[in-house]
Amino acid sequence: MRVDEKCDIYSFGVLTMEVFMGRHPGDLISYFSSLQSVSSSMSNDRQVLLKDTIDERLAPPVGQSAKDVVSTMKIALACLNGNPQLRPTMQQVSQALGRQSLPLPSPFRTIKLGELLVI
C-alpha cells in the first residue's frame, strides 16, 4: 500500500460520515463500495435514503442546512472512492467545502445515497 495524501483523504471521508451518522459508518462504507463496483443499472441498491443514514438524534435538516448536508455528504463519498487515484485531494475538498451549496435536486427526504455518488 502506498501511503500518501489520498489515504488521509479516505480517513477524512470516514470521519465526516461518522459525524453525520453518529456512529462509525462501517456497513455504509461497504454499501458504497458495492455501488461503485456495480453498473449503473442497479435499482434496489439505490433506494437507501440519505435521511435514513443521518443520526436520528438530530433534527432533520431544512433549507440551507439540508443543502449543506447533501453537499458535504457528496464530498465525503468522493473521499471514500475505492480507487485512491479518483479521490480528491484535501485542497480540492477544502475548495468544495468553501463553495456555496447547490440547490437540492429533489426534497431532502427523497434523496437517495446512490444519487450522491460520482461514479
PDB file of N, CA and C in Angstrom:
ATOM      1  N   MET A   1       0.843  -1.185   0.000  1.00  0.00           N
ATOM      2  CA  MET A   1       0.000   0.000   0.000  1.00  0.00           C
ATOM      3  C   MET A   1       0.883   1.241   0.000  1.00  0.00           C
ATOM      4  N   ARG A   2       0.586   2.138  -0.887  1.00  0.00           N
ATOM      5  CA  ARG A   2       1.318   3.396  -0.981  1.00  0.00           C
ATOM      6  C   ARG A   2       0.643   4.423  -0.069  1.00  0.00           C
ATOM      7  N   VAL A   3       1.395   5.010   0.826  1.00  0.00           N
ATOM      8  CA  VAL A   3       0.836   5.991   1.763  1.00  0.00           C
ATOM      9  C   VAL A   3       1.081   7.387   1.209  1.00  0.00           C
ATOM     10  N   ASP A   4      -0.009   8.113   0.990  1.00  0.00           N
ATOM     11  CA  ASP A   4       0.076   9.487   0.517  1.00  0.00           C
ATOM     12  C   ASP A   4      -1.164  10.244   0.958  1.00  0.00           C
ATOM     13  N   GLU A   5      -1.352  11.447   0.431  1.00  0.00           N
ATOM     14  CA  GLU A   5      -2.492  12.265   0.864  1.00  0.00           C
ATOM     15  C   GLU A   5      -3.839  11.637   0.496  1.00  0.00           C
ATOM     16  N   LYS A   6      -3.870  10.727  -0.467  1.00  0.00           N
ATOM     17  CA  LYS A   6      -5.120  10.071  -0.841  1.00  0.00           C
ATOM     18  C   LYS A   6      -5.592   9.115   0.259  1.00  0.00           C
ATOM     19  N   CYS A   7      -4.656   8.567   1.053  1.00  0.00           N
ATOM     20  CA  CYS A   7      -5.033   7.732   2.198  1.00  0.00           C
ATOM     21  C   CYS A   7      -5.630   8.602   3.295  1.00  0.00           C
ATOM     22  N   ASP A   8      -5.029   9.750   3.535  1.00  0.00           N
ATOM     23  CA  ASP A   8      -5.544  10.668   4.545  1.00  0.00           C
ATOM     24  C   ASP A   8      -6.937  11.160   4.188  1.00  0.00           C
ATOM     25  N   ILE A   9      -7.186  11.377   2.922  1.00  0.00           N
ATOM     26  CA  ILE A   9      -8.492  11.882   2.499  1.00  0.00           C
ATOM     27  C   ILE A   9      -9.562  10.823   2.727  1.00  0.00           C
ATOM     28  N   TYR A  10      -9.210   9.554   2.613  1.00  0.00           N
ATOM     29  CA  TYR A  10     -10.154   8.479   2.913  1.00  0.00           C
ATOM     30  C   TYR A  10     -10.585   8.587   4.382  1.00  0.00           C
ATOM     31  N   SER A  11      -9.632   8.796   5.262  1.00  0.00           N
ATOM     32  CA  SER A  11      -9.929   8.950   6.691  1.00  0.00           C
ATOM     33  C   SER A  11     -10.824  10.159   6.938  1.00  0.00           C
ATOM     34  N   PHE A  12     -10.603  11.218   6.203  1.00  0.00           N
ATOM     35  CA  PHE A  12     -11.458  12.398   6.313  1.00  0.00           C
ATOM     36  C   PHE A  12     -12.896  12.041   5.939  1.00  0.00           C
ATOM     37  N   GLY A  13     -13.074  11.254   4.886  1.00  0.00           N
ATOM     38  CA  GLY A  13     -14.408  10.826   4.470  1.00  0.00           C
ATOM     39  C   GLY A  13     -15.089   9.986   5.534  1.00  0.00           C
ATOM     40  N   VAL A  14     -14.332   9.071   6.143  1.00  0.00           N
ATOM     41  CA  VAL A  14     -14.889   8.227   7.205  1.00  0.00           C
ATOM     42  C   VAL A  14     -15.311   9.100   8.389  1.00  0.00           C
ATOM     43  N   LEU A  15     -14.466  10.014   8.793  1.00  0.00           N
ATOM     44  CA  LEU A  15     -14.772  10.887   9.929  1.00  0.00           C
ATOM     45  C   LEU A  15     -15.992  11.760   9.645  1.00  0.00           C
ATOM     46  N   THR A  16     -16.089  12.289   8.446  1.00  0.00           N
ATOM     47  CA  THR A  16     -17.232  13.122   8.069  1.00  0.00           C
ATOM     48  C   THR A  16     -18.525  12.315   8.146  1.00  0.00           C
ATOM     49  N   MET A  17     -18.502  11.108   7.614  1.00  0.00           N
ATOM     50  CA  MET A  17     -19.675  10.242   7.672  1.00  0.00           C
ATOM     51  C   MET A  17     -20.041   9.926   9.127  1.00  0.00           C
ATOM     52  N   GLU A  18     -19.028   9.692   9.941  1.00  0.00           N
ATOM     53  CA  GLU A  18     -19.269   9.366  11.341  1.00  0.00           C
ATOM     54  C   GLU A  18     -19.946  10.526  12.072  1.00  0.00           C
ATOM     55  N   VAL A  19     -19.560  11.743  11.759  1.00  0.00           N
ATOM     56  CA  VAL A  19     -20.182  12.917  12.377  1.00  0.00           C
ATOM     57  C   VAL A  19     -21.661  12.987  12.008  1.00  0.00           C
ATOM     58  N   PHE A  20     -21.992  12.787  10.740  1.00  0.00           N
ATOM     59  CA  PHE A  20     -23.388  12.851  10.301  1.00  0.00           C
ATOM     60  C   PHE A  20     -24.214  11.687  10.844  1.00  0.00           C
ATOM     61  N   MET A  21     -23.611  10.515  10.921  1.00  0.00           N
ATOM     62  CA  MET A  21     -24.349   9.319  11.308  1.00  0.00           C
ATOM     63  C   MET A  21     -24.435   9.119  12.814  1.00  0.00           C
ATOM     64  N   GLY A  22     -23.488   9.682  13.551  1.00  0.00           N
ATOM     65  CA  GLY A  22     -23.464   9.483  14.995  1.00  0.00           C
ATOM     66  C   GLY A  22     -22.862   8.146  15.395  1.00  0.00           C
ATOM     67  N   ARG A  23     -22.267   7.457  14.441  1.00  0.00           N
ATOM     68  CA  ARG A  23     -21.612   6.167  14.677  1.00  0.00           C
ATOM     69  C   ARG A  23     -20.667   5.893  13.509  1.00  0.00           C
ATOM     70  N   HIS A  24     -19.822   4.889  13.685  1.00  0.00           N
ATOM     71  CA  HIS A  24     -18.890   4.531  12.612  1.00  0.00           C
ATOM     72  C   HIS A  24     -19.674   4.019  11.403  1.00  0.00           C
ATOM     73  N   PRO A  25     -19.319   4.457  10.204  1.00  0.00           N
ATOM     74  CA  PRO A  25     -20.075   4.083   9.006  1.00  0.00           C
ATOM     75  C   PRO A  25     -19.625   2.792   8.332  1.00  0.00           C
ATOM     76  N   GLY A  26     -19.117   1.841   9.085  1.00  0.00           N
ATOM     77  CA  GLY A  26     -18.560   0.613   8.510  1.00  0.00           C
ATOM     78  C   GLY A  26     -19.437  -0.062   7.481  1.00  0.00           C
ATOM     79  N   ASP A  27     -20.692  -0.372   7.837  1.00  0.00           N
ATOM     80  CA  ASP A  27     -21.589  -1.048   6.896  1.00  0.00           C
ATOM     81  C   ASP A  27     -21.903  -0.161   5.697  1.00  0.00           C
ATOM     82  N   LEU A  28     -22.024   1.120   5.940  1.00  0.00           N
ATOM     83  CA  LEU A  28     -22.332   2.037   4.853  1.00  0.00           C
ATOM     84  C   LEU A  28     -21.167   2.143   3.871  1.00  0.00           C
ATOM     85  N   ILE A  29     -19.944   2.084   4.382  1.00  0.00           N
ATOM     86  CA  ILE A  29     -18.770   2.110   3.507  1.00  0.00           C
ATOM     87  C   ILE A  29     -18.776   0.879   2.594  1.00  0.00           C
ATOM     88  N   SER A  30     -19.122  -0.265   3.149  1.00  0.00           N
ATOM     89  CA  SER A  30     -19.225  -1.490   2.334  1.00  0.00           C
ATOM     90  C   SER A  30     -20.298  -1.321   1.265  1.00  0.00           C
ATOM     91  N   TYR A  31     -21.402  -0.706   1.645  1.00  0.00           N
ATOM     92  CA  TYR A  31     -22.501  -0.449   0.712  1.00  0.00           C
ATOM     93  C   TYR A  31     -22.009   0.420  -0.449  1.00  0.00           C
ATOM     94  N   PHE A  32     -21.255   1.472  -0.141  1.00  0.00           N
ATOM     95  CA  PHE A  32     -20.757   2.360  -1.197  1.00  0.00           C
ATOM     96  C   PHE A  32     -19.762   1.649  -2.096  1.00  0.00           C
ATOM     97  N   SER A  33     -18.951   0.805  -1.515  1.00  0.00           N
ATOM     98  CA  SER A  33     -18.001   0.044  -2.329  1.00  0.00           C
ATOM     99  C   SER A  33     -18.746  -0.819  -3.336  1.00  0.00           C
ATOM    100  N   SER A  34     -19.851  -1.423  -2.893  1.00  0.00           N
ATOM    101  CA  SER A  34     -20.617  -2.267  -3.812  1.00  0.00           C
ATOM    102  C   SER A  34     -21.292  -1.413  -4.885  1.00  0.00           C
ATOM    103  N   LEU A  35     -21.738  -0.211  -4.534  1.00  0.00           N
ATOM    104  CA  LEU A  35     -22.347   0.668  -5.527  1.00  0.00           C
ATOM    105  C   LEU A  35     -21.343   1.068  -6.600  1.00  0.00           C
ATOM    106  N   GLN A  36     -20.107   1.321  -6.181  1.00  0.00           N
ATOM    107  CA  GLN A  36     -19.089   1.762  -7.122  1.00  0.00           C
ATOM    108  C   GLN A  36     -18.633   0.618  -8.030  1.00  0.00           C
ATOM    109  N   SER A  37     -18.765  -0.615  -7.566  1.00  0.00           N
ATOM    110  CA  SER A  37     -18.278  -1.730  -8.360  1.00  0.00           C
ATOM    111  C   SER A  37     -19.353  -2.368  -9.242  1.00  0.00           C
ATOM    112  N   VAL A  38     -20.589  -1.927  -9.091  1.00  0.00           N
ATOM    113  CA  VAL A  38     -21.702  -2.474  -9.871  1.00  0.00           C
ATOM    114  C   VAL A  38     -22.112  -1.438 -10.904  1.00  0.00           C
ATOM    115  N   SER A  39     -22.665  -1.895 -12.005  1.00  0.00           N
ATOM    116  CA  SER A  39     -23.065  -0.971 -13.072  1.00  0.00           C
ATOM    117  C   SER A  39     -24.204  -0.075 -12.628  1.00  0.00           C
ATOM    118  N   SER A  40     -24.452   0.959 -13.418  1.00  0.00           N
ATOM    119  CA  SER A  40     -25.487   1.923 -13.083  1.00  0.00           C
ATOM    120  C   SER A  40     -26.890   1.383 -13.316  1.00  0.00           C
ATOM    121  N   SER A  41     -27.020   0.119 -13.662  1.00  0.00           N
ATOM    122  CA  SER A  41     -28.340  -0.462 -13.881  1.00  0.00           C
ATOM    123  C   SER A  41     -28.969  -0.965 -12.586  1.00  0.00           C
ATOM    124  N   MET A  42     -28.374  -0.610 -11.443  1.00  0.00           N
ATOM    125  CA  MET A  42     -28.916  -1.035 -10.157  1.00  0.00           C
ATOM    126  C   MET A  42     -30.265  -0.375  -9.924  1.00  0.00           C
ATOM    127  N   SER A  43     -31.152  -1.080  -9.261  1.00  0.00           N
ATOM    128  CA  SER A  43     -32.426  -0.467  -8.925  1.00  0.00           C
ATOM    129  C   SER A  43     -32.633  -0.464  -7.419  1.00  0.00           C
ATOM    130  N   ASN A  44     -32.597  -1.611  -6.775  1.00  0.00           N
ATOM    131  CA  ASN A  44     -32.864  -1.683  -5.344  1.00  0.00           C
ATOM    132  C   ASN A  44     -31.762  -1.063  -4.503  1.00  0.00           C
ATOM    133  N   ASP A  45     -30.499  -1.202  -4.908  1.00  0.00           N
ATOM    134  CA  ASP A  45     -29.387  -0.681  -4.114  1.00  0.00           C
ATOM    135  C   ASP A  45     -29.447   0.830  -3.965  1.00  0.00           C
ATOM    136  N   ARG A  46     -29.983   1.516  -4.915  1.00  0.00           N
ATOM    137  CA  ARG A  46     -30.021   2.976  -4.852  1.00  0.00           C
ATOM    138  C   ARG A  46     -31.207   3.491  -4.035  1.00  0.00           C
ATOM    139  N   GLN A  47     -31.929   2.606  -3.386  1.00  0.00           N
ATOM    140  CA  GLN A  47     -33.118   3.005  -2.663  1.00  0.00           C
ATOM    141  C   GLN A  47     -32.846   3.466  -1.234  1.00  0.00           C
ATOM    142  N   VAL A  48     -31.629   3.349  -0.726  1.00  0.00           N
ATOM    143  CA  VAL A  48     -31.314   3.807   0.626  1.00  0.00           C
ATOM    144  C   VAL A  48     -31.368   5.337   0.628  1.00  0.00           C
ATOM    145  N   LEU A  49     -32.202   5.861   1.489  1.00  0.00           N
ATOM    146  CA  LEU A  49     -32.383   7.313   1.546  1.00  0.00           C
ATOM    147  C   LEU A  49     -31.351   7.966   2.464  1.00  0.00           C
ATOM    148  N   LEU A  50     -30.867   9.114   2.045  1.00  0.00           N
ATOM    149  CA  LEU A  50     -29.903   9.868   2.843  1.00  0.00           C
ATOM    150  C   LEU A  50     -30.464  10.156   4.226  1.00  0.00           C
ATOM    151  N   LYS A  51     -31.725  10.539   4.294  1.00  0.00           N
ATOM    152  CA  LYS A  51     -32.335  10.898   5.585  1.00  0.00           C
ATOM    153  C   LYS A  51     -32.287   9.735   6.581  1.00  0.00           C
ATOM    154  N   ASP A  52     -32.272   8.509   6.075  1.00  0.00           N
ATOM    155  CA  ASP A  52     -32.237   7.337   6.952  1.00  0.00           C
ATOM    156  C   ASP A  52     -30.843   7.044   7.494  1.00  0.00           C
ATOM    157  N   THR A  53     -29.830   7.702   6.972  1.00  0.00           N
ATOM    158  CA  THR A  53     -28.467   7.482   7.457  1.00  0.00           C
ATOM    159  C   THR A  53     -28.030   8.560   8.446  1.00  0.00           C
ATOM    160  N   ILE A  54     -28.748   9.671   8.472  1.00  0.00           N
ATOM    161  CA  ILE A  54     -28.399  10.763   9.383  1.00  0.00           C
ATOM    162  C   ILE A  54     -28.790  10.383  10.802  1.00  0.00           C
ATOM    163  N   ASP A  55     -27.962  10.754  11.765  1.00  0.00           N
ATOM    164  CA  ASP A  55     -28.211  10.471  13.179  1.00  0.00           C
ATOM    165  C   ASP A  55     -29.619  10.908  13.554  1.00  0.00           C
ATOM    166  N   GLU A  56     -30.420   9.966  14.012  1.00  0.00           N
ATOM    167  CA  GLU A  56     -31.820  10.272  14.325  1.00  0.00           C
ATOM    168  C   GLU A  56     -31.975  11.176  15.545  1.00  0.00           C
ATOM    169  N   ARG A  57     -30.908  11.387  16.299  1.00  0.00           N
ATOM    170  CA  ARG A  57     -30.973  12.306  17.439  1.00  0.00           C
ATOM    171  C   ARG A  57     -30.958  13.761  16.986  1.00  0.00           C
ATOM    172  N   LEU A  58     -30.604  13.974  15.707  1.00  0.00           N
ATOM    173  CA  LEU A  58     -30.571  15.322  15.157  1.00  0.00           C
ATOM    174  C   LEU A  58     -31.899  15.642  14.483  1.00  0.00           C
ATOM    175  N   ALA A  59     -32.270  16.906  14.509  1.00  0.00           N
ATOM    176  CA  ALA A  59     -33.473  17.320  13.789  1.00  0.00           C
ATOM    177  C   ALA A  59     -33.190  17.209  12.293  1.00  0.00           C
ATOM    178  N   PRO A  60     -34.179  16.811  11.500  1.00  0.00           N
ATOM    179  CA  PRO A  60     -33.960  16.729  10.050  1.00  0.00           C
ATOM    180  C   PRO A  60     -33.550  18.100   9.504  1.00  0.00           C
ATOM    181  N   PRO A  61     -32.529  18.133   8.660  1.00  0.00           N
ATOM    182  CA  PRO A  61     -32.084  19.423   8.123  1.00  0.00           C
ATOM    183  C   PRO A  61     -33.106  20.006   7.159  1.00  0.00           C
ATOM    184  N   VAL A  62     -33.237  21.316   7.191  1.00  0.00           N
ATOM    185  CA  VAL A  62     -34.134  22.014   6.275  1.00  0.00           C
ATOM    186  C   VAL A  62     -33.398  23.221   5.700  1.00  0.00           C
ATOM    187  N   GLY A  63     -33.902  23.728   4.587  1.00  0.00           N
ATOM    188  CA  GLY A  63     -33.336  24.927   3.971  1.00  0.00           C
ATOM    189  C   GLY A  63     -31.861  24.788   3.649  1.00  0.00           C
ATOM    190  N   GLN A  64     -31.103  25.797   4.045  1.00  0.00           N
ATOM    191  CA  GLN A  64     -29.666  25.822   3.754  1.00  0.00           C
ATOM    192  C   GLN A  64     -28.937  24.658   4.414  1.00  0.00           C
ATOM    193  N   SER A  65     -29.394  24.258   5.602  1.00  0.00           N
ATOM    194  CA  SER A  65     -28.756  23.122   6.283  1.00  0.00           C
ATOM    195  C   SER A  65     -28.874  21.850   5.461  1.00  0.00           C
ATOM    196  N   ALA A  66     -30.020  21.620   4.851  1.00  0.00           N
ATOM    197  CA  ALA A  66     -30.205  20.430   4.015  1.00  0.00           C
ATOM    198  C   ALA A  66     -29.260  20.479   2.814  1.00  0.00           C
ATOM    199  N   LYS A  67     -29.130  21.640   2.193  1.00  0.00           N
ATOM    200  CA  LYS A  67     -28.206  21.787   1.060  1.00  0.00           C
ATOM    201  C   LYS A  67     -26.778  21.489   1.497  1.00  0.00           C
ATOM    202  N   ASP A  68     -26.408  21.999   2.671  1.00  0.00           N
ATOM    203  CA  ASP A  68     -25.045  21.797   3.172  1.00  0.00           C
ATOM    204  C   ASP A  68     -24.783  20.322   3.494  1.00  0.00           C
ATOM    205  N   VAL A  69     -25.773  19.645   4.057  1.00  0.00           N
ATOM    206  CA  VAL A  69     -25.616  18.217   4.368  1.00  0.00           C
ATOM    207  C   VAL A  69     -25.404  17.431   3.076  1.00  0.00           C
ATOM    208  N   VAL A  70     -26.215  17.696   2.076  1.00  0.00           N
ATOM    209  CA  VAL A  70     -26.095  16.978   0.802  1.00  0.00           C
ATOM    210  C   VAL A  70     -24.726  17.246   0.168  1.00  0.00           C
ATOM    211  N   SER A  71     -24.314  18.507   0.136  1.00  0.00           N
ATOM    212  CA  SER A  71     -23.015  18.849  -0.464  1.00  0.00           C
ATOM    213  C   SER A  71     -21.866  18.188   0.287  1.00  0.00           C
ATOM    214  N   THR A  72     -21.922  18.210   1.602  1.00  0.00           N
ATOM    215  CA  THR A  72     -20.844  17.635   2.404  1.00  0.00           C
ATOM    216  C   THR A  72     -20.821  16.119   2.289  1.00  0.00           C
ATOM    217  N   MET A  73     -21.992  15.497   2.210  1.00  0.00           N
ATOM    218  CA  MET A  73     -22.039  14.044   2.035  1.00  0.00           C
ATOM    219  C   MET A  73     -21.480  13.643   0.673  1.00  0.00           C
ATOM    220  N   LYS A  74     -21.745  14.434  -0.357  1.00  0.00           N
ATOM    221  CA  LYS A  74     -21.167  14.152  -1.679  1.00  0.00           C
ATOM    222  C   LYS A  74     -19.646  14.173  -1.604  1.00  0.00           C
ATOM    223  N   ILE A  75     -19.110  15.161  -0.905  1.00  0.00           N
ATOM    224  CA  ILE A  75     -17.660  15.285  -0.756  1.00  0.00           C
ATOM    225  C   ILE A  75     -17.114  14.080   0.016  1.00  0.00           C
ATOM    226  N   ALA A  76     -17.785  13.730   1.119  1.00  0.00           N
ATOM    227  CA  ALA A  76     -17.327  12.592   1.930  1.00  0.00           C
ATOM    228  C   ALA A  76     -17.315  11.309   1.109  1.00  0.00           C
ATOM    229  N   LEU A  77     -18.358  11.112   0.300  1.00  0.00           N
ATOM    230  CA  LEU A  77     -18.418   9.898  -0.523  1.00  0.00           C
ATOM    231  C   LEU A  77     -17.319   9.883  -1.577  1.00  0.00           C
ATOM    232  N   ALA A  78     -16.980  11.042  -2.121  1.00  0.00           N
ATOM    233  CA  ALA A  78     -15.874  11.112  -3.077  1.00  0.00           C
ATOM    234  C   ALA A  78     -14.567  10.709  -2.395  1.00  0.00           C
ATOM    235  N   CYS A  79     -14.427  11.063  -1.116  1.00  0.00           N
ATOM    236  CA  CYS A  79     -13.223  10.710  -0.359  1.00  0.00           C
ATOM    237  C   CYS A  79     -13.127   9.212  -0.102  1.00  0.00           C
ATOM    238  N   LEU A  80     -14.260   8.517  -0.146  1.00  0.00           N
ATOM    239  CA  LEU A  80     -14.298   7.080   0.129  1.00  0.00           C
ATOM    240  C   LEU A  80     -14.195   6.227  -1.128  1.00  0.00           C
ATOM    241  N   ASN A  81     -13.910   6.847  -2.253  1.00  0.00           N
ATOM    242  CA  ASN A  81     -13.819   6.101  -3.509  1.00  0.00           C
ATOM    243  C   ASN A  81     -12.826   4.955  -3.351  1.00  0.00           C
ATOM    244  N   GLY A  82     -13.223   3.782  -3.812  1.00  0.00           N
ATOM    245  CA  GLY A  82     -12.368   2.605  -3.706  1.00  0.00           C
ATOM    246  C   GLY A  82     -11.058   2.725  -4.464  1.00  0.00           C
ATOM    247  N   ASN A  83     -11.028   3.561  -5.490  1.00  0.00           N
ATOM    248  CA  ASN A  83      -9.815   3.792  -6.265  1.00  0.00           C
ATOM    249  C   ASN A  83      -9.131   5.060  -5.735  1.00  0.00           C
ATOM    250  N   PRO A  84      -7.995   4.925  -5.046  1.00  0.00           N
ATOM    251  CA  PRO A  84      -7.331   6.092  -4.465  1.00  0.00           C
ATOM    252  C   PRO A  84      -7.022   7.203  -5.475  1.00  0.00           C
ATOM    253  N   GLN A  85      -6.787   6.828  -6.721  1.00  0.00           N
ATOM    254  CA  GLN A  85      -6.471   7.836  -7.733  1.00  0.00           C
ATOM    255  C   GLN A  85      -7.674   8.725  -8.056  1.00  0.00           C
ATOM    256  N   LEU A  86      -8.875   8.238  -7.767  1.00  0.00           N
ATOM    257  CA  LEU A  86     -10.087   9.003  -8.060  1.00  0.00           C
ATOM    258  C   LEU A  86     -10.569   9.831  -6.870  1.00  0.00           C
ATOM    259  N   ARG A  87      -9.884   9.708  -5.730  1.00  0.00           N
ATOM    260  CA  ARG A  87     -10.248  10.511  -4.561  1.00  0.00           C
ATOM    261  C   ARG A  87      -9.743  11.940  -4.747  1.00  0.00           C
ATOM    262  N   PRO A  88     -10.470  12.912  -4.195  1.00  0.00           N
ATOM    263  CA  PRO A  88      -9.991  14.297  -4.286  1.00  0.00           C
ATOM    264  C   PRO A  88      -8.806  14.525  -3.352  1.00  0.00           C
ATOM    265  N   THR A  89      -8.082  15.587  -3.580  1.00  0.00           N
ATOM    266  CA  THR A  89      -7.027  15.991  -2.647  1.00  0.00           C
ATOM    267  C   THR A  89      -7.678  16.828  -1.548  1.00  0.00           C
ATOM    268  N   MET A  90      -6.964  17.057  -0.462  1.00  0.00           N
ATOM    269  CA  MET A  90      -7.512  17.879   0.613  1.00  0.00           C
ATOM    270  C   MET A  90      -7.729  19.310   0.119  1.00  0.00           C
ATOM    271  N   GLN A  91      -6.896  19.775  -0.777  1.00  0.00           N
ATOM    272  CA  GLN A  91      -7.091  21.112  -1.344  1.00  0.00           C
ATOM    273  C   GLN A  91      -8.420  21.178  -2.103  1.00  0.00           C
ATOM    274  N   GLN A  92      -8.713  20.144  -2.889  1.00  0.00           N
ATOM    275  CA  GLN A  92      -9.982  20.112  -3.617  1.00  0.00           C
ATOM    276  C   GLN A  92     -11.167  20.040  -2.651  1.00  0.00           C
ATOM    277  N   VAL A  93     -11.026  19.268  -1.581  1.00  0.00           N
ATOM    278  CA  VAL A  93     -12.084  19.175  -0.572  1.00  0.00           C
ATOM    279  C   VAL A  93     -12.297  20.530   0.081  1.00  0.00           C
ATOM    280  N   SER A  94     -11.210  21.177   0.442  1.00  0.00           N
ATOM    281  CA  SER A  94     -11.298  22.492   1.077  1.00  0.00           C
ATOM    282  C   SER A  94     -12.004  23.495   0.171  1.00  0.00           C
ATOM    283  N   GLN A  95     -11.665  23.487  -1.095  1.00  0.00           N
ATOM    284  CA  GLN A  95     -12.314  24.394  -2.054  1.00  0.00           C
ATOM    285  C   GLN A  95     -13.797  24.065  -2.194  1.00  0.00           C
ATOM    286  N   ALA A  96     -14.129  22.785  -2.251  1.00  0.00           N
ATOM    287  CA  ALA A  96     -15.525  22.373  -2.385  1.00  0.00           C
ATOM    288  C   ALA A  96     -16.333  22.764  -1.147  1.00  0.00           C
ATOM    289  N   LEU A  97     -15.743  22.607   0.026  1.00  0.00           N
ATOM    290  CA  LEU A  97     -16.441  22.986   1.256  1.00  0.00           C
ATOM    291  C   LEU A  97     -16.653  24.491   1.340  1.00  0.00           C
ATOM    292  N   GLY A  98     -15.778  25.251   0.720  1.00  0.00           N
ATOM    293  CA  GLY A  98     -15.880  26.704   0.734  1.00  0.00           C
ATOM    294  C   GLY A  98     -16.882  27.263  -0.252  1.00  0.00           C
ATOM    295  N   ARG A  99     -17.288  26.449  -1.217  1.00  0.00           N
ATOM    296  CA  ARG A  99     -18.267  26.902  -2.208  1.00  0.00           C
ATOM    297  C   ARG A  99     -19.672  26.892  -1.638  1.00  0.00           C
ATOM    298  N   GLN A 100     -20.514  27.721  -2.218  1.00  0.00           N
ATOM    299  CA  GLN A 100     -21.916  27.737  -1.817  1.00  0.00           C
ATOM    300  C   GLN A 100     -22.578  26.440  -2.276  1.00  0.00           C
ATOM    301  N   SER A 101     -23.410  25.877  -1.429  1.00  0.00           N
ATOM    302  CA  SER A 101     -24.109  24.642  -1.759  1.00  0.00           C
ATOM    303  C   SER A 101     -25.090  24.873  -2.893  1.00  0.00           C
ATOM    304  N   LEU A 102     -25.184  23.886  -3.780  1.00  0.00           N
ATOM    305  CA  LEU A 102     -26.114  23.952  -4.909  1.00  0.00           C
ATOM    306  C   LEU A 102     -27.532  23.660  -4.436  1.00  0.00           C
ATOM    307  N   PRO A 103     -28.523  24.099  -5.193  1.00  0.00           N
ATOM    308  CA  PRO A 103     -29.906  23.759  -4.841  1.00  0.00           C
ATOM    309  C   PRO A 103     -30.088  22.243  -4.846  1.00  0.00           C
ATOM    310  N   LEU A 104     -30.994  21.766  -4.013  1.00  0.00           N
ATOM    311  CA  LEU A 104     -31.260  20.331  -3.950  1.00  0.00           C
ATOM    312  C   LEU A 104     -31.983  19.880  -5.216  1.00  0.00           C
ATOM    313  N   PRO A 105     -31.608  18.714  -5.753  1.00  0.00           N
ATOM    314  CA  PRO A 105     -32.261  18.214  -6.967  1.00  0.00           C
ATOM    315  C   PRO A 105     -33.697  17.750  -6.712  1.00  0.00           C
ATOM    316  N   SER A 106     -33.980  17.421  -5.450  1.00  0.00           N
ATOM    317  CA  SER A 106     -35.309  16.976  -5.037  1.00  0.00           C
ATOM    318  C   SER A 106     -35.427  17.237  -3.536  1.00  0.00           C
ATOM    319  N   PRO A 107     -36.612  17.089  -2.946  1.00  0.00           N
ATOM    320  CA  PRO A 107     -36.736  17.310  -1.499  1.00  0.00           C
ATOM    321  C   PRO A 107     -35.759  16.419  -0.725  1.00  0.00           C
ATOM    322  N   PHE A 108     -35.207  16.933   0.358  1.00  0.00           N
ATOM    323  CA  PHE A 108     -34.199  16.219   1.137  1.00  0.00           C
ATOM    324  C   PHE A 108     -34.660  14.812   1.496  1.00  0.00           C
ATOM    325  N   ARG A 109     -35.897  14.670   1.917  1.00  0.00           N
ATOM    326  CA  ARG A 109     -36.398  13.372   2.386  1.00  0.00           C
ATOM    327  C   ARG A 109     -36.427  12.313   1.289  1.00  0.00           C
ATOM    328  N   THR A 110     -36.281  12.709   0.013  1.00  0.00           N
ATOM    329  CA  THR A 110     -36.343  11.749  -1.093  1.00  0.00           C
ATOM    330  C   THR A 110     -34.985  11.477  -1.739  1.00  0.00           C
ATOM    331  N   ILE A 111     -33.936  12.137  -1.291  1.00  0.00           N
ATOM    332  CA  ILE A 111     -32.613  11.966  -1.904  1.00  0.00           C
ATOM    333  C   ILE A 111     -32.022  10.617  -1.506  1.00  0.00           C
ATOM    334  N   LYS A 112     -31.609   9.859  -2.500  1.00  0.00           N
ATOM    335  CA  LYS A 112     -31.035   8.529  -2.294  1.00  0.00           C
ATOM    336  C   LYS A 112     -29.515   8.627  -2.264  1.00  0.00           C
ATOM    337  N   LEU A 113     -28.902   7.771  -1.472  1.00  0.00           N
ATOM    338  CA  LEU A 113     -27.450   7.777  -1.351  1.00  0.00           C
ATOM    339  C   LEU A 113     -26.764   7.571  -2.690  1.00  0.00           C
ATOM    340  N   GLY A 114     -27.299   6.686  -3.507  1.00  0.00           N
ATOM    341  CA  GLY A 114     -26.700   6.425  -4.809  1.00  0.00           C
ATOM    342  C   GLY A 114     -26.639   7.652  -5.690  1.00  0.00           C
ATOM    343  N   GLU A 115     -27.545   8.600  -5.459  1.00  0.00           N
ATOM    344  CA  GLU A 115     -27.555   9.840  -6.257  1.00  0.00           C
ATOM    345  C   GLU A 115     -26.380  10.744  -5.921  1.00  0.00           C
ATOM    346  N   LEU A 116     -25.785  10.529  -4.757  1.00  0.00           N
ATOM    347  CA  LEU A 116     -24.684  11.383  -4.310  1.00  0.00           C
ATOM    348  C   LEU A 116     -23.324  10.896  -4.793  1.00  0.00           C
ATOM    349  N   LEU A 117     -23.279   9.678  -5.289  1.00  0.00           N
ATOM    350  CA  LEU A 117     -22.016   9.114  -5.765  1.00  0.00           C
ATOM    351  C   LEU A 117     -21.637   9.711  -7.113  1.00  0.00           C
ATOM    352  N   VAL A 118     -20.388  10.054  -7.215  1.00  0.00           N
ATOM    353  CA  VAL A 118     -19.857  10.500  -8.504  1.00  0.00           C
ATOM    354  C   VAL A 118     -19.092   9.305  -9.046  1.00  0.00           C
ATOM    355  N   ILE A 119     -19.723   8.593  -9.976  1.00  0.00           N
ATOM    356  CA  ILE A 119     -19.110   7.362 -10.497  1.00  0.00           C
ATOM    357  C   ILE A 119     -18.494   7.633 -11.848  1.00  0.00           C
TER     358      ILE A 119
END
